Structure formats: C-alpha cells, structure tokens
Amino acid sequence: MAEQNNQPVFQIQRVYLKDLSLEQPNSPAIFLEQEGPNIEVAVDVGAEALAETIFESTVTITVTAKVKDKVAFLVEGKQAGIFECANIPAEQLDPLLGIGCPNIIYPYLRANIADMITRAGFPPVHLAEINFEAFYQQRLQQLQEQQQQQQAQAATGLVMPDGSPAKH
C-alpha cells in the first residue's frame, strides 16, 4: 500500500547474528596472569542490496585483549539486519544504511560480544556507544581521499611501489 502512494517505507524485517568467533590461544595459562588486559576494539559497517527494496546492513566488531604481549582472547562478531527501504530518496538511502541501520543492530552485537567474553571465563567487556554518524562521515572522507589519490595517479600514469603517485 505504501508503494502505491509513494510514502517512504523503512521496516526491520529481521535482526540476526551472522558470525561470532572466539579464540583463546594462551588459555589456561593466561588466567594465572595478575595484570589486567589491554583491550583493542575495531569496528566495520557494511550494506548490501538483496532485492530492489530489501537491504542487509552489518556491523562487525573485533575485540582483542592482550596481557603484556600475549593474546588473552580475540572475539569477532558480525550482527546483521534485513531492512525494507522503499521510496527513500537516493541521497538519503546511503546514510540510512550507514547510520540508521547500524544504530539498530549494534546493541544486539554489544550484548552478544559481552556474553561471549563472559562465557569464555573473562570479566565482561562493555563496549562503548558508537557515533555511527561520525563513523560514516570519516568513511566518506577516506573514500574521497582515495578517489583523489587515484585521480592523481591516473594523471601521471606512474605509481610507486607503495601505491603513491610518482612525483616529477
């Protein structure tokens, strides 16, 4: 009905855990360490069209905990959602998939990762909120910089081994 009158449609079809893995390469010895681990967190976001108005949005988080130079654990999780996005203006669709959908998916992923770490025998790691709008803007800026580099390379035609354009 919404498509007939061209009203914008945004609906969650499904939210699901797409992938979750745990590695504990130094267990059980790592449990005897007295020092607390250093935690590193990496984030990635993706989106893919499944049909004309159906999209999958994903958020991937990798949490690495190290005690001194030894890995205590590494957890990687990918949470996904299927969203119906119809009659959304083209200039609004990319931000919706890159900001709005990850905001919906991320709380589920946070809970799954915290649960996995606790079940692995470690104190829970509570991931901070993520400003997906700032993350989206950073990615746009990186893409623009990459495009500018590629245009500069195309202009000279010469590329150095490190991927930078040759200078005269």
Protein backbone atom coordinates (compact mmCIF):
# COMPACT_ATOMS: atom_id res chain seq x y z
CA MET A 1 0.00 0.00 0.00
CA ALA A 2 2.80 2.45 0.84
CA GLU A 3 4.44 1.91 -2.55
CA GLN A 4 1.22 2.87 -4.33
CA ASN A 5 1.13 6.29 -2.71
CA ASN A 6 4.95 6.72 -2.75
CA GLN A 7 5.19 7.12 1.03
CA PRO A 8 8.67 6.28 2.37
CA VAL A 9 8.87 2.84 3.97
CA PHE A 10 11.52 1.76 6.48
CA GLN A 11 10.89 -1.52 8.28
CA ILE A 12 13.05 -4.02 10.13
CA GLN A 13 12.49 -7.44 8.62
CA ARG A 14 14.94 -9.35 10.81
CA VAL A 15 17.96 -8.85 13.08
CA TYR A 16 20.32 -11.80 13.39
CA LEU A 17 23.77 -12.88 14.48
CA LYS A 18 25.66 -13.64 11.27
CA ASP A 19 29.02 -14.69 12.75
CA LEU A 20 30.61 -14.97 16.18
CA SER A 21 34.02 -16.44 16.93
CA LEU A 22 36.26 -16.73 19.97
CA GLU A 23 39.95 -17.53 20.20
CA GLN A 24 41.86 -18.08 23.45
CA PRO A 25 45.34 -19.05 22.22
CA ASN A 26 47.02 -18.77 25.64
CA SER A 27 44.45 -20.44 27.89
CA PRO A 28 44.61 -21.71 30.56
CA ALA A 29 47.96 -20.03 31.44
CA ILE A 30 46.55 -16.57 30.72
CA PHE A 31 44.09 -16.97 33.61
CA LEU A 32 47.03 -17.05 36.03
CA GLU A 33 48.21 -13.57 34.98
CA GLN A 34 47.62 -10.91 37.62
CA GLU A 35 47.77 -7.95 35.25
CA GLY A 36 44.57 -6.77 33.58
CA PRO A 37 44.33 -6.99 29.80
CA ASN A 38 44.64 -4.13 27.32
CA ILE A 39 41.55 -4.06 25.12
CA GLU A 40 41.54 -3.07 21.45
CA VAL A 41 38.29 -2.68 19.51
CA ALA A 42 37.89 -2.48 15.73
CA VAL A 43 34.60 -1.60 14.03
CA ASP A 44 33.36 -2.07 10.48
CA VAL A 45 30.00 -1.41 8.83
CA GLY A 46 28.63 -2.78 5.57
CA ALA A 47 25.46 -2.79 3.50
CA GLU A 48 24.28 -4.82 0.54
CA ALA A 49 21.18 -4.78 -1.63
CA LEU A 50 19.33 -8.11 -1.53
CA ALA A 51 16.41 -7.04 -3.73
CA GLU A 52 15.04 -3.77 -5.09
CA THR A 53 13.81 -2.51 -1.70
CA ILE A 54 15.45 -5.04 0.65
CA PHE A 55 18.90 -4.41 2.14
CA GLU A 56 21.21 -6.18 4.57
CA SER A 57 23.18 -3.97 6.92
CA THR A 58 26.04 -5.39 9.01
CA VAL A 59 28.17 -4.26 11.93
CA THR A 60 31.38 -6.16 12.68
CA ILE A 61 33.30 -5.74 15.93
CA THR A 62 36.64 -7.31 16.76
CA VAL A 63 37.76 -7.21 20.41
CA THR A 64 41.35 -8.19 21.15
CA ALA A 65 42.55 -8.46 24.76
CA LYS A 66 46.26 -8.73 25.48
CA VAL A 67 48.14 -9.23 28.73
CA LYS A 68 51.67 -7.95 28.12
CA ASP A 69 52.40 -9.37 24.66
CA LYS A 70 50.12 -12.43 24.90
CA VAL A 71 46.61 -12.55 23.47
CA ALA A 72 44.14 -13.41 26.22
CA PHE A 73 41.20 -13.59 23.83
CA LEU A 74 40.01 -12.40 20.46
CA VAL A 75 36.28 -12.14 19.80
CA GLU A 76 34.85 -11.20 16.43
CA GLY A 77 31.14 -10.75 15.91
CA LYS A 78 29.03 -9.74 12.94
CA GLN A 79 25.45 -8.72 13.58
CA ALA A 80 23.17 -8.14 10.61
CA GLY A 81 19.73 -6.88 9.85
CA ILE A 82 17.43 -7.08 6.87
CA PHE A 83 15.59 -3.84 6.24
CA GLU A 84 12.91 -2.80 3.80
CA CYS A 85 13.66 0.64 2.41
CA ALA A 86 11.17 1.75 -0.24
CA ASN A 87 10.53 5.19 -1.71
CA ILE A 88 13.55 6.59 0.13
CA PRO A 89 15.28 9.36 -1.88
CA ALA A 90 18.63 8.12 -3.25
CA GLU A 91 20.63 10.76 -1.32
CA GLN A 92 19.05 9.53 1.94
CA LEU A 93 19.40 5.78 1.36
CA ASP A 94 23.17 5.55 1.88
CA PRO A 95 23.12 7.47 5.21
CA LEU A 96 20.13 5.37 6.32
CA LEU A 97 22.06 2.14 5.63
CA GLY A 98 25.32 3.52 7.04
CA ILE A 99 23.99 5.27 10.15
CA GLY A 100 20.37 4.35 10.95
CA CYS A 101 20.61 0.59 10.43
CA PRO A 102 23.89 0.17 12.38
CA ASN A 103 22.31 2.10 15.28
CA ILE A 104 19.56 -0.53 15.38
CA ILE A 105 21.89 -3.54 15.02
CA TYR A 106 24.73 -2.50 17.35
CA PRO A 107 23.00 -3.04 20.73
CA TYR A 108 22.37 -6.68 19.81
CA LEU A 109 26.03 -7.14 18.85
CA ARG A 110 27.24 -5.46 22.06
CA ALA A 111 25.19 -7.90 24.13
CA ASN A 112 26.37 -10.94 22.14
CA ILE A 113 30.03 -9.97 22.46
CA ALA A 114 29.75 -9.23 26.20
CA ASP A 115 28.04 -12.61 26.69
CA MET A 116 30.72 -14.46 24.69
CA ILE A 117 33.56 -12.86 26.67
CA THR A 118 31.88 -13.70 29.98
CA ARG A 119 31.24 -17.29 28.89
CA ALA A 120 34.92 -17.54 27.95
CA GLY A 121 35.79 -17.00 31.62
CA PHE A 122 36.86 -13.36 31.46
CA PRO A 123 35.36 -10.29 33.15
CA PRO A 124 32.74 -8.70 30.89
CA VAL A 125 33.83 -6.06 28.40
CA HIS A 126 31.19 -3.40 27.96
CA LEU A 127 31.63 -1.78 24.58
CA ALA A 128 31.03 1.96 24.43
CA GLU A 129 28.32 3.57 22.34
CA ILE A 130 29.39 4.31 18.79
CA ASN A 131 28.52 7.51 16.96
CA PHE A 132 27.73 5.92 13.60
CA GLU A 133 27.14 9.33 12.03
CA ALA A 134 30.74 10.38 12.80
CA PHE A 135 31.95 6.94 11.66
CA TYR A 136 30.00 7.36 8.39
CA GLN A 137 31.46 10.84 7.81
CA GLN A 138 35.01 9.51 8.41
CA ARG A 139 34.46 6.75 5.85
CA LEU A 140 33.13 9.25 3.29
CA GLN A 141 36.20 11.42 3.81
CA GLN A 142 38.51 8.40 3.40
CA LEU A 143 36.74 7.43 0.17
CA GLN A 144 37.09 10.97 -1.20
CA GLU A 145 40.82 10.98 -0.35
CA GLN A 146 41.27 7.60 -2.06
CA GLN A 147 39.45 8.87 -5.16
CA GLN A 148 41.66 11.97 -5.26
CA GLN A 149 44.78 9.78 -5.00
CA GLN A 150 43.52 7.56 -7.81
CA GLN A 151 42.82 10.60 -9.99
CA ALA A 152 46.34 11.92 -9.29
CA GLN A 153 47.79 8.52 -10.21
CA ALA A 154 45.74 8.41 -13.40
CA ALA A 155 47.00 11.89 -14.33
CA THR A 156 50.69 10.86 -14.15
CA GLY A 157 50.15 7.24 -15.01
CA LEU A 158 53.08 6.25 -12.80
CA VAL A 159 52.61 4.58 -9.45
CA MET A 160 55.31 3.98 -6.86
CA PRO A 161 55.63 0.56 -5.12
CA ASP A 162 53.91 1.96 -2.01
CA GLY A 163 50.85 2.90 -4.11
CA SER A 164 51.54 6.66 -4.12
CA PRO A 165 51.65 8.63 -7.37
CA ALA A 166 55.06 9.25 -8.90
CA LYS A 167 56.37 12.81 -8.47
CA HIS A 168 58.34 14.65 -11.15
